């Protein structure tokens, strides 16, 4: 069977950085076309400068490499997105509509669209949030992502396109510091613990949010995209979750390994966003459809993070 030729937008982001490596390992370095606004010094494989808002440039790259799959990761996240709602909408939604149009035009076999727990809002059940529920997001990030989910469903229903997505919870990773997200504290705290033995958290101590560790992000994404089409019951985006935690619980878990660690809490504007999101997620549809099952819980994640962070 011919290997796919995969275009990845936003390849320098928290997920894109590691997903490109995972895709290269699975399909071969020459099969993956990483794209972003600038190259990374340590990048390996094919890289193309690409602004996702430049539709002509996107189409030229699709044609140049005869792309068969697209992983559209380029986005502005929840907190940073609030600084410039108009730009966030253009990058998160308008660019995705262009991707869908080009994918239909060029008969792209599969598209991956990452969504987020940011699609939830004050009317969403916060405990064991179901796959299908009420969505009234309070950020332009969440609004753009739930709209993107609906467009995914539309293109699947009207044109028969194979579009798959995941609603990522907070993503924890040791290889790349996230920027502009409401769950960034769950990564920052590890680096500050290792470097300074203290951390000032921008959320309240008891703010519970769902999280997932990067190895499980990669596992979920690759497993979803490799699953037989007959097993994919939805194209908008699957709920997934690894575990849920509060800043204080994460602090206590780190303190087991770094006893001198201290923490303080100075909530900022991100607290309001976090308060509108779910605390725990029902991901049973993903488990039933394509056998999603995370490998890491909070304790095993903490051990692995501390073992791998380089300061």
C-alpha atoms as a PDB file:
ATOM      1  CA  UNK A   1       0.000   0.000   0.000  1.00  0.00           C
ATOM      2  CA  UNK A   2       1.366   3.424  -0.974  1.00  0.00           C
ATOM      3  CA  UNK A   3       2.511   5.540   1.950  1.00  0.00           C
ATOM      4  CA  UNK A   4       0.586   8.781   2.532  1.00  0.00           C
ATOM      5  CA  UNK A   5       2.164  12.155   1.846  1.00  0.00           C
ATOM      6  CA  UNK A   6       1.212  14.249   4.856  1.00  0.00           C
ATOM      7  CA  UNK A   7       1.118  18.031   5.125  1.00  0.00           C
ATOM      8  CA  UNK A   8       1.305  19.394   8.691  1.00  0.00           C
ATOM      9  CA  UNK A   9       0.416  23.036   9.332  1.00  0.00           C
ATOM     10  CA  UNK A  10       1.581  24.703  12.540  1.00  0.00           C
ATOM     11  CA  UNK A  11       4.426  22.206  12.812  1.00  0.00           C
ATOM     12  CA  UNK A  12       6.374  24.300  15.349  1.00  0.00           C
ATOM     13  CA  UNK A  13       3.634  24.289  17.983  1.00  0.00           C
ATOM     14  CA  UNK A  14       3.463  22.215  21.146  1.00  0.00           C
ATOM     15  CA  UNK A  15       1.712  19.293  19.448  1.00  0.00           C
ATOM     16  CA  UNK A  16       3.090  19.839  15.937  1.00  0.00           C
ATOM     17  CA  UNK A  17       6.717  19.596  17.062  1.00  0.00           C
ATOM     18  CA  UNK A  18       6.281  16.059  18.376  1.00  0.00           C
ATOM     19  CA  UNK A  19       3.602  14.918  15.951  1.00  0.00           C
ATOM     20  CA  UNK A  20       5.889  15.584  12.988  1.00  0.00           C
ATOM     21  CA  UNK A  21       8.537  13.350  14.582  1.00  0.00           C
ATOM     22  CA  UNK A  22       5.983  10.626  15.274  1.00  0.00           C
ATOM     23  CA  UNK A  23       4.667  10.779  11.714  1.00  0.00           C
ATOM     24  CA  UNK A  24       8.208  10.626  10.331  1.00  0.00           C
ATOM     25  CA  UNK A  25       8.910   7.549  12.447  1.00  0.00           C
ATOM     26  CA  UNK A  26       5.748   5.847  11.221  1.00  0.00           C
ATOM     27  CA  UNK A  27       5.694   6.791   7.534  1.00  0.00           C
ATOM     28  CA  UNK A  28       9.222   7.978   6.688  1.00  0.00           C
ATOM     29  CA  UNK A  29      10.967  11.350   6.790  1.00  0.00           C
ATOM     30  CA  UNK A  30      10.357  12.083   3.119  1.00  0.00           C
ATOM     31  CA  UNK A  31       6.595  11.550   3.457  1.00  0.00           C
ATOM     32  CA  UNK A  32       6.000  14.401   5.906  1.00  0.00           C
ATOM     33  CA  UNK A  33       5.835  18.055   4.824  1.00  0.00           C
ATOM     34  CA  UNK A  34       6.209  20.262   7.911  1.00  0.00           C
ATOM     35  CA  UNK A  35       5.067  23.878   7.490  1.00  0.00           C
ATOM     36  CA  UNK A  36       5.055  26.964   9.678  1.00  0.00           C
ATOM     37  CA  UNK A  37       5.959  30.655   9.647  1.00  0.00           C
ATOM     38  CA  UNK A  38       9.605  29.839  10.357  1.00  0.00           C
ATOM     39  CA  UNK A  39      11.845  26.796  10.366  1.00  0.00           C
ATOM     40  CA  UNK A  40      13.401  25.257  13.472  1.00  0.00           C
ATOM     41  CA  UNK A  41      17.170  25.033  13.701  1.00  0.00           C
ATOM     42  CA  UNK A  42      17.072  21.393  14.756  1.00  0.00           C
ATOM     43  CA  UNK A  43      14.347  20.262  12.362  1.00  0.00           C
ATOM     44  CA  UNK A  44      14.841  17.108  10.301  1.00  0.00           C
ATOM     45  CA  UNK A  45      13.107  16.356   7.022  1.00  0.00           C
ATOM     46  CA  UNK A  46      11.130  18.480   4.596  1.00  0.00           C
ATOM     47  CA  UNK A  47      10.108  21.966   5.726  1.00  0.00           C
ATOM     48  CA  UNK A  48       8.263  24.654   3.797  1.00  0.00           C
ATOM     49  CA  UNK A  49       7.610  28.201   4.938  1.00  0.00           C
ATOM     50  CA  UNK A  50       3.852  28.668   4.794  1.00  0.00           C
ATOM     51  CA  UNK A  51       1.337  31.171   6.093  1.00  0.00           C
ATOM     52  CA  UNK A  52      -1.980  29.305   6.344  1.00  0.00           C
ATOM     53  CA  UNK A  53      -3.776  32.530   5.401  1.00  0.00           C
ATOM     54  CA  UNK A  54      -1.997  32.511   2.020  1.00  0.00           C
ATOM     55  CA  UNK A  55      -4.331  30.181   0.138  1.00  0.00           C
ATOM     56  CA  UNK A  56      -2.275  30.234  -3.071  1.00  0.00           C
ATOM     57  CA  UNK A  57       0.825  29.172  -1.163  1.00  0.00           C
ATOM     58  CA  UNK A  58      -1.058  26.337   0.551  1.00  0.00           C
ATOM     59  CA  UNK A  59      -2.343  25.088  -2.795  1.00  0.00           C
ATOM     60  CA  UNK A  60       1.095  25.236  -4.414  1.00  0.00           C
ATOM     61  CA  UNK A  61       2.543  23.055  -1.668  1.00  0.00           C
ATOM     62  CA  UNK A  62      -0.334  20.565  -1.961  1.00  0.00           C
ATOM     63  CA  UNK A  63       0.321  20.335  -5.702  1.00  0.00           C
ATOM     64  CA  UNK A  64       4.128  20.282  -5.402  1.00  0.00           C
ATOM     65  CA  UNK A  65       4.213  17.260  -3.115  1.00  0.00           C
ATOM     66  CA  UNK A  66       0.955  15.606  -4.247  1.00  0.00           C
ATOM     67  CA  UNK A  67      -0.279  15.666  -0.664  1.00  0.00           C
ATOM     68  CA  UNK A  68      -2.741  12.927   0.332  1.00  0.00           C
ATOM     69  CA  UNK A  69      -3.394  13.851   3.999  1.00  0.00           C
ATOM     70  CA  UNK A  70      -3.482  17.126   5.947  1.00  0.00           C
ATOM     71  CA  UNK A  71      -3.034  17.618   9.695  1.00  0.00           C
ATOM     72  CA  UNK A  72      -4.181  21.201  10.234  1.00  0.00           C
ATOM     73  CA  UNK A  73      -2.639  22.242  13.571  1.00  0.00           C
ATOM     74  CA  UNK A  74      -2.069  25.963  12.976  1.00  0.00           C
ATOM     75  CA  UNK A  75      -4.058  27.991  15.523  1.00  0.00           C
ATOM     76  CA  UNK A  76      -3.994  30.734  18.129  1.00  0.00           C
ATOM     77  CA  UNK A  77      -4.848  29.364  21.579  1.00  0.00           C
ATOM     78  CA  UNK A  78      -7.397  30.455  24.170  1.00  0.00           C
ATOM     79  CA  UNK A  79      -5.620  33.167  26.158  1.00  0.00           C
ATOM     80  CA  UNK A  80      -3.558  34.679  23.348  1.00  0.00           C
ATOM     81  CA  UNK A  81      -6.577  34.524  21.059  1.00  0.00           C
ATOM     82  CA  UNK A  82      -8.440  36.979  23.258  1.00  0.00           C
ATOM     83  CA  UNK A  83      -5.777  39.626  22.536  1.00  0.00           C
ATOM     84  CA  UNK A  84      -6.728  39.687  18.855  1.00  0.00           C
ATOM     85  CA  UNK A  85     -10.113  38.048  18.174  1.00  0.00           C
ATOM     86  CA  UNK A  86     -10.204  39.015  14.486  1.00  0.00           C
ATOM     87  CA  UNK A  87      -6.819  37.437  13.749  1.00  0.00           C
ATOM     88  CA  UNK A  88      -7.714  34.369  15.816  1.00  0.00           C
ATOM     89  CA  UNK A  89     -10.848  33.873  13.739  1.00  0.00           C
ATOM     90  CA  UNK A  90      -8.883  34.190  10.494  1.00  0.00           C
ATOM     91  CA  UNK A  91      -6.231  31.673  11.549  1.00  0.00           C
ATOM     92  CA  UNK A  92      -8.466  29.217  13.399  1.00  0.00           C
ATOM     93  CA  UNK A  93     -11.510  29.217  11.127  1.00  0.00           C
ATOM     94  CA  UNK A  94     -10.991  31.021   7.803  1.00  0.00           C
ATOM     95  CA  UNK A  95      -7.752  29.144   7.154  1.00  0.00           C
ATOM     96  CA  UNK A  96      -9.484  25.858   7.940  1.00  0.00           C
ATOM     97  CA  UNK A  97     -12.266  26.631   5.462  1.00  0.00           C
ATOM     98  CA  UNK A  98      -9.577  27.175   2.821  1.00  0.00           C
ATOM     99  CA  UNK A  99      -8.004  23.845   3.755  1.00  0.00           C
ATOM    100  CA  UNK A 100     -11.373  22.102   3.390  1.00  0.00           C
ATOM    101  CA  UNK A 101     -11.969  23.720   0.003  1.00  0.00           C
ATOM    102  CA  UNK A 102      -8.535  22.742  -1.281  1.00  0.00           C
ATOM    103  CA  UNK A 103      -8.864  19.241   0.142  1.00  0.00           C
ATOM    104  CA  UNK A 104     -12.112  18.757  -1.756  1.00  0.00           C
ATOM    105  CA  UNK A 105     -10.637  20.241  -4.940  1.00  0.00           C
ATOM    106  CA  UNK A 106      -7.497  18.084  -4.824  1.00  0.00           C
ATOM    107  CA  UNK A 107      -9.216  14.937  -3.502  1.00  0.00           C
ATOM    108  CA  UNK A 108      -7.221  14.761  -0.264  1.00  0.00           C
ATOM    109  CA  UNK A 109      -7.829  11.359   1.325  1.00  0.00           C
ATOM    110  CA  UNK A 110      -7.881  12.372   5.017  1.00  0.00           C
ATOM    111  CA  UNK A 111      -7.907  15.532   7.101  1.00  0.00           C
ATOM    112  CA  UNK A 112      -7.164  15.886  10.803  1.00  0.00           C
ATOM    113  CA  UNK A 113      -8.668  18.874  12.633  1.00  0.00           C
ATOM    114  CA  UNK A 114      -7.732  19.414  16.298  1.00  0.00           C
ATOM    115  CA  UNK A 115     -10.482  20.819  18.469  1.00  0.00           C
ATOM    116  CA  UNK A 116     -10.403  21.559  22.185  1.00  0.00           C
ATOM    117  CA  UNK A 117     -12.187  21.543  25.520  1.00  0.00           C
ATOM    118  CA  UNK A 118     -12.450  25.273  24.831  1.00  0.00           C
ATOM    119  CA  UNK A 119     -15.647  24.512  22.889  1.00  0.00           C
ATOM    120  CA  UNK A 120     -17.371  23.979  26.241  1.00  0.00           C
ATOM    121  CA  UNK A 121     -19.051  26.809  28.081  1.00  0.00           C
ATOM    122  CA  UNK A 122     -21.272  27.688  31.053  1.00  0.00           C
ATOM    123  CA  UNK A 123     -24.165  25.513  29.825  1.00  0.00           C
ATOM    124  CA  UNK A 124     -21.983  22.425  29.389  1.00  0.00           C
ATOM    125  CA  UNK A 125     -22.108  19.795  32.163  1.00  0.00           C
ATOM    126  CA  UNK A 126     -18.757  20.170  33.921  1.00  0.00           C
ATOM    127  CA  UNK A 127     -18.583  16.627  35.287  1.00  0.00           C
ATOM    128  CA  UNK A 128     -18.228  13.668  32.939  1.00  0.00           C
ATOM    129  CA  UNK A 129     -18.942  15.956  29.980  1.00  0.00           C
ATOM    130  CA  UNK A 130     -20.640  13.881  27.267  1.00  0.00           C
ATOM    131  CA  UNK A 131     -19.639  13.707  23.617  1.00  0.00           C
ATOM    132  CA  UNK A 132     -22.742  15.590  22.516  1.00  0.00           C
ATOM    133  CA  UNK A 133     -23.910  18.384  24.785  1.00  0.00           C
ATOM    134  CA  UNK A 134     -24.500  22.146  24.942  1.00  0.00           C
ATOM    135  CA  UNK A 135     -21.737  24.315  23.495  1.00  0.00           C
ATOM    136  CA  UNK A 136     -21.648  28.043  24.229  1.00  0.00           C
ATOM    137  CA  UNK A 137     -17.903  28.792  24.387  1.00  0.00           C
ATOM    138  CA  UNK A 138     -16.763  32.021  25.978  1.00  0.00           C
ATOM    139  CA  UNK A 139     -13.599  32.643  23.918  1.00  0.00           C
ATOM    140  CA  UNK A 140     -13.031  33.303  20.223  1.00  0.00           C
ATOM    141  CA  UNK A 141     -10.736  30.255  20.322  1.00  0.00           C
ATOM    142  CA  UNK A 142     -13.603  28.047  21.458  1.00  0.00           C
ATOM    143  CA  UNK A 143     -16.068  29.677  19.061  1.00  0.00           C
ATOM    144  CA  UNK A 144     -13.733  29.131  16.110  1.00  0.00           C
ATOM    145  CA  UNK A 145     -13.119  25.504  17.048  1.00  0.00           C
ATOM    146  CA  UNK A 146     -16.769  24.511  17.508  1.00  0.00           C
ATOM    147  CA  UNK A 147     -17.524  26.214  14.178  1.00  0.00           C
ATOM    148  CA  UNK A 148     -14.661  24.246  12.620  1.00  0.00           C
ATOM    149  CA  UNK A 149     -16.169  21.032  13.997  1.00  0.00           C
ATOM    150  CA  UNK A 150     -19.475  21.867  12.305  1.00  0.00           C
ATOM    151  CA  UNK A 151     -17.747  22.566   8.992  1.00  0.00           C
ATOM    152  CA  UNK A 152     -15.950  19.212   9.283  1.00  0.00           C
ATOM    153  CA  UNK A 153     -19.286  17.487   9.692  1.00  0.00           C
ATOM    154  CA  UNK A 154     -20.747  19.459   6.773  1.00  0.00           C
ATOM    155  CA  UNK A 155     -17.947  18.504   4.366  1.00  0.00           C
ATOM    156  CA  UNK A 156     -18.220  14.867   5.406  1.00  0.00           C
ATOM    157  CA  UNK A 157     -21.990  14.786   4.969  1.00  0.00           C
ATOM    158  CA  UNK A 158     -22.097  16.729   1.699  1.00  0.00           C
ATOM    159  CA  UNK A 159     -18.932  15.572  -0.062  1.00  0.00           C
ATOM    160  CA  UNK A 160     -18.137  12.274   1.654  1.00  0.00           C
ATOM    161  CA  UNK A 161     -14.738  13.507   2.825  1.00  0.00           C
ATOM    162  CA  UNK A 162     -12.815  11.605   5.503  1.00  0.00           C
ATOM    163  CA  UNK A 163     -12.323  14.217   8.234  1.00  0.00           C
ATOM    164  CA  UNK A 164     -11.347  13.269  11.767  1.00  0.00           C
ATOM    165  CA  UNK A 165     -10.785  15.296  14.910  1.00  0.00           C
ATOM    166  CA  UNK A 166     -10.061  15.239  18.624  1.00  0.00           C
ATOM    167  CA  UNK A 167     -11.084  17.642  21.364  1.00  0.00           C
ATOM    168  CA  UNK A 168      -7.769  17.896  23.162  1.00  0.00           C
ATOM    169  CA  UNK A 169      -7.816  18.687  26.879  1.00  0.00           C
ATOM    170  CA  UNK A 170      -4.798  20.434  28.408  1.00  0.00           C
ATOM    171  CA  UNK A 171      -1.649  18.933  26.887  1.00  0.00           C
ATOM    172  CA  UNK A 172       1.405  18.299  29.073  1.00  0.00           C
ATOM    173  CA  UNK A 173       4.809  17.873  27.433  1.00  0.00           C
ATOM    174  CA  UNK A 174       8.467  18.274  28.401  1.00  0.00           C
ATOM    175  CA  UNK A 175       9.870  19.091  24.961  1.00  0.00           C
ATOM    176  CA  UNK A 176       8.033  22.308  24.161  1.00  0.00           C
ATOM    177  CA  UNK A 177       6.643  25.098  26.322  1.00  0.00           C
ATOM    178  CA  UNK A 178       3.132  26.091  25.191  1.00  0.00           C
ATOM    179  CA  UNK A 179       2.236  29.747  24.683  1.00  0.00           C
ATOM    180  CA  UNK A 180      -1.126  31.408  25.105  1.00  0.00           C
ATOM    181  CA  UNK A 181      -3.166  28.598  26.615  1.00  0.00           C
ATOM    182  CA  UNK A 182      -5.255  28.363  29.777  1.00  0.00           C
ATOM    183  CA  UNK A 183      -3.685  25.050  30.846  1.00  0.00           C
ATOM    184  CA  UNK A 184      -0.074  26.176  30.280  1.00  0.00           C
ATOM    185  CA  UNK A 185       0.561  26.133  34.037  1.00  0.00           C
ATOM    186  CA  UNK A 186       0.615  22.325  33.957  1.00  0.00           C
ATOM    187  CA  UNK A 187       3.785  22.477  31.854  1.00  0.00           C
ATOM    188  CA  UNK A 188       5.365  25.620  33.273  1.00  0.00           C
ATOM    189  CA  UNK A 189       5.238  24.272  36.823  1.00  0.00           C
ATOM    190  CA  UNK A 190       7.640  21.437  35.968  1.00  0.00           C
ATOM    191  CA  UNK A 191      10.284  23.700  34.469  1.00  0.00           C
ATOM    192  CA  UNK A 192      10.037  26.134  37.382  1.00  0.00           C
ATOM    193  CA  UNK A 193      10.195  23.261  39.870  1.00  0.00           C
ATOM    194  CA  UNK A 194      13.379  21.960  38.309  1.00  0.00           C
ATOM    195  CA  UNK A 195      14.980  25.384  37.874  1.00  0.00           C
ATOM    196  CA  UNK A 196      13.817  27.551  40.771  1.00  0.00           C
ATOM    197  CA  UNK A 197      11.976  25.175  43.146  1.00  0.00           C
ATOM    198  CA  UNK A 198       8.973  27.508  43.156  1.00  0.00           C
ATOM    199  CA  UNK A 199       6.069  28.469  40.922  1.00  0.00           C
ATOM    200  CA  UNK A 200       3.484  31.256  40.769  1.00  0.00           C
ATOM    201  CA  UNK A 201       0.298  29.777  39.322  1.00  0.00           C
ATOM    202  CA  UNK A 202      -2.169  31.866  37.323  1.00  0.00           C
ATOM    203  CA  UNK A 203      -5.132  29.633  38.309  1.00  0.00           C
ATOM    204  CA  UNK A 204      -6.657  28.967  41.711  1.00  0.00           C
ATOM    205  CA  UNK A 205      -5.390  25.975  43.661  1.00  0.00           C
ATOM    206  CA  UNK A 206      -8.615  23.978  43.298  1.00  0.00           C
ATOM    207  CA  UNK A 207      -9.290  24.601  39.588  1.00  0.00           C
ATOM    208  CA  UNK A 208      -9.862  21.122  38.174  1.00  0.00           C
ATOM    209  CA  UNK A 209      -9.302  20.592  34.445  1.00  0.00           C
ATOM    210  CA  UNK A 210      -8.880  17.533  32.203  1.00  0.00           C
ATOM    211  CA  UNK A 211      -5.363  16.857  30.910  1.00  0.00           C
ATOM    212  CA  UNK A 212      -3.506  14.414  28.682  1.00  0.00           C
ATOM    213  CA  UNK A 213       0.205  13.613  28.433  1.00  0.00           C
ATOM    214  CA  UNK A 214       1.934  14.105  25.083  1.00  0.00           C
ATOM    215  CA  UNK A 215       2.717  10.418  24.439  1.00  0.00           C
ATOM    216  CA  UNK A 216      -1.009   9.770  24.740  1.00  0.00           C
ATOM    217  CA  UNK A 217      -1.766  12.745  22.459  1.00  0.00           C
ATOM    218  CA  UNK A 218       0.413  11.182  19.783  1.00  0.00           C
ATOM    219  CA  UNK A 219      -1.079   7.755  20.377  1.00  0.00           C
ATOM    220  CA  UNK A 220      -4.642   9.059  20.130  1.00  0.00           C
ATOM    221  CA  UNK A 221      -3.976  11.121  17.007  1.00  0.00           C
ATOM    222  CA  UNK A 222      -2.162   8.367  15.126  1.00  0.00           C
ATOM    223  CA  UNK A 223      -4.620   5.664  16.187  1.00  0.00           C
ATOM    224  CA  UNK A 224      -7.599   7.762  15.158  1.00  0.00           C
ATOM    225  CA  UNK A 225      -6.136   8.519  11.740  1.00  0.00           C
ATOM    226  CA  UNK A 226      -5.173   4.866  11.170  1.00  0.00           C
ATOM    227  CA  UNK A 227      -8.545   3.451  12.223  1.00  0.00           C
ATOM    228  CA  UNK A 228     -10.753   1.976   9.471  1.00  0.00           C
ATOM    229  CA  UNK A 229     -13.230   4.501   8.117  1.00  0.00           C
ATOM    230  CA  UNK A 230     -16.102   2.194   9.040  1.00  0.00           C
ATOM    231  CA  UNK A 231     -15.215   2.597  12.732  1.00  0.00           C
ATOM    232  CA  UNK A 232     -15.340   6.419  12.690  1.00  0.00           C
ATOM    233  CA  UNK A 233     -18.851   7.425  13.652  1.00  0.00           C
ATOM    234  CA  UNK A 234     -18.253  11.192  13.840  1.00  0.00           C
ATOM    235  CA  UNK A 235     -16.061  13.661  11.980  1.00  0.00           C
ATOM    236  CA  UNK A 236     -16.427  16.780  14.111  1.00  0.00           C
ATOM    237  CA  UNK A 237     -14.167  15.766  17.045  1.00  0.00           C
ATOM    238  CA  UNK A 238     -13.923  13.001  19.647  1.00  0.00           C
ATOM    239  CA  UNK A 239     -13.714  13.666  23.383  1.00  0.00           C
ATOM    240  CA  UNK A 240     -10.551  12.240  24.919  1.00  0.00           C
ATOM    241  CA  UNK A 241      -8.975  12.611  28.356  1.00  0.00           C
ATOM    242  CA  UNK A 242      -6.058  11.143  30.231  1.00  0.00           C
ATOM    243  CA  UNK A 243      -6.737  12.376  33.785  1.00  0.00           C
ATOM    244  CA  UNK A 244      -8.076  15.428  35.604  1.00  0.00           C
ATOM    245  CA  UNK A 245      -6.145  17.457  38.163  1.00  0.00           C
ATOM    246  CA  UNK A 246      -5.960  20.730  40.052  1.00  0.00           C
ATOM    247  CA  UNK A 247      -2.861  22.919  40.388  1.00  0.00           C
ATOM    248  CA  UNK A 248      -2.595  21.891  44.032  1.00  0.00           C
ATOM    249  CA  UNK A 249      -2.806  18.169  43.214  1.00  0.00           C
ATOM    250  CA  UNK A 250      -0.118  18.558  40.585  1.00  0.00           C
ATOM    251  CA  UNK A 251       2.031  20.544  43.004  1.00  0.00           C
ATOM    252  CA  UNK A 252       1.710  17.841  45.673  1.00  0.00           C
ATOM    253  CA  UNK A 253       2.648  15.141  43.140  1.00  0.00           C
ATOM    254  CA  UNK A 254       5.762  17.080  42.112  1.00  0.00           C
ATOM    255  CA  UNK A 255       6.624  17.819  45.746  1.00  0.00           C
ATOM    256  CA  UNK A 256       6.979  14.073  46.363  1.00  0.00           C
ATOM    257  CA  UNK A 257      10.042  14.215  44.108  1.00  0.00           C
ATOM    258  CA  UNK A 258      11.151  17.801  44.897  1.00  0.00           C
ATOM    259  CA  UNK A 259      10.321  18.321  48.603  1.00  0.00           C
ATOM    260  CA  UNK A 260      11.606  21.907  48.696  1.00  0.00           C
ATOM    261  CA  UNK A 261       9.180  22.979  45.979  1.00  0.00           C
ATOM    262  CA  UNK A 262       6.801  25.851  46.878  1.00  0.00           C
ATOM    263  CA  UNK A 263       3.825  27.342  45.077  1.00  0.00           C
ATOM    264  CA  UNK A 264       1.777  30.539  45.214  1.00  0.00           C
ATOM    265  CA  UNK A 265      -1.466  31.430  43.471  1.00  0.00           C
ATOM    266  CA  UNK A 266      -2.143  34.697  41.638  1.00  0.00           C
ATOM    267  CA  UNK A 267      -5.159  34.080  39.368  1.00  0.00           C
ATOM    268  CA  UNK A 268      -5.340  36.222  36.225  1.00  0.00           C
ATOM    269  CA  UNK A 269      -7.774  36.524  33.303  1.00  0.00           C
ATOM    270  CA  UNK A 270      -7.326  32.842  32.467  1.00  0.00           C
ATOM    271  CA  UNK A 271      -9.211  31.869  35.634  1.00  0.00           C
ATOM    272  CA  UNK A 272     -12.509  32.969  34.090  1.00  0.00           C
ATOM    273  CA  UNK A 273     -11.819  30.854  31.025  1.00  0.00           C
ATOM    274  CA  UNK A 274     -10.917  27.812  33.140  1.00  0.00           C
ATOM    275  CA  UNK A 275     -14.078  28.202  35.211  1.00  0.00           C
ATOM    276  CA  UNK A 276     -16.188  27.762  32.069  1.00  0.00           C
ATOM    277  CA  UNK A 277     -14.526  24.497  31.034  1.00  0.00           C
ATOM    278  CA  UNK A 278     -15.196  20.920  32.062  1.00  0.00           C
ATOM    279  CA  UNK A 279     -13.599  19.222  35.042  1.00  0.00           C
ATOM    280  CA  UNK A 280     -13.888  15.633  33.781  1.00  0.00           C
ATOM    281  CA  UNK A 281     -14.599  14.188  30.337  1.00  0.00           C
ATOM    282  CA  UNK A 282     -16.636  11.224  29.101  1.00  0.00           C
ATOM    283  CA  UNK A 283     -14.555   9.787  26.259  1.00  0.00           C
ATOM    284  CA  UNK A 284     -16.471   6.526  25.919  1.00  0.00           C
ATOM    285  CA  UNK A 285     -17.317   7.142  22.243  1.00  0.00           C
ATOM    286  CA  UNK A 286     -13.607   7.255  21.342  1.00  0.00           C
ATOM    287  CA  UNK A 287     -12.986   4.170  23.463  1.00  0.00           C
ATOM    288  CA  UNK A 288     -15.769   2.277  21.696  1.00  0.00           C
ATOM    289  CA  UNK A 289     -15.046   3.456  18.139  1.00  0.00           C
ATOM    290  CA  UNK A 290     -11.253   3.134  17.883  1.00  0.00           C
ATOM    291  CA  UNK A 291     -10.175   1.675  21.225  1.00  0.00           C
ATOM    292  CA  UNK A 292      -8.801   4.859  22.769  1.00  0.00           C
ATOM    293  CA  UNK A 293      -7.164   4.170  26.135  1.00  0.00           C
ATOM    294  CA  UNK A 294      -4.475   6.397  27.708  1.00  0.00           C
ATOM    295  CA  UNK A 295      -1.238   4.887  28.987  1.00  0.00           C
ATOM    296  CA  UNK A 296      -0.475   7.575  31.581  1.00  0.00           C
ATOM    297  CA  UNK A 297      -2.158   8.726  34.787  1.00  0.00           C
ATOM    298  CA  UNK A 298      -1.069  11.780  36.775  1.00  0.00           C
ATOM    299  CA  UNK A 299       1.541   9.970  38.862  1.00  0.00           C
ATOM    300  CA  UNK A 300       3.260   8.206  35.960  1.00  0.00           C
ATOM    301  CA  UNK A 301       3.171  11.436  33.932  1.00  0.00           C
ATOM    302  CA  UNK A 302       4.877  13.387  36.732  1.00  0.00           C
ATOM    303  CA  UNK A 303       7.680  10.815  37.016  1.00  0.00           C
ATOM    304  CA  UNK A 304       8.270  10.831  33.273  1.00  0.00           C
ATOM    305  CA  UNK A 305       8.207  14.633  33.026  1.00  0.00           C
ATOM    306  CA  UNK A 306      10.767  15.074  35.795  1.00  0.00           C
ATOM    307  CA  UNK A 307      12.983  12.369  34.292  1.00  0.00           C
ATOM    308  CA  UNK A 308      13.042  14.016  30.864  1.00  0.00           C
ATOM    309  CA  UNK A 309      13.119  17.783  31.467  1.00  0.00           C
ATOM    310  CA  UNK A 310      16.476  19.321  30.615  1.00  0.00           C
ATOM    311  CA  UNK A 311      17.296  22.595  32.381  1.00  0.00           C
END
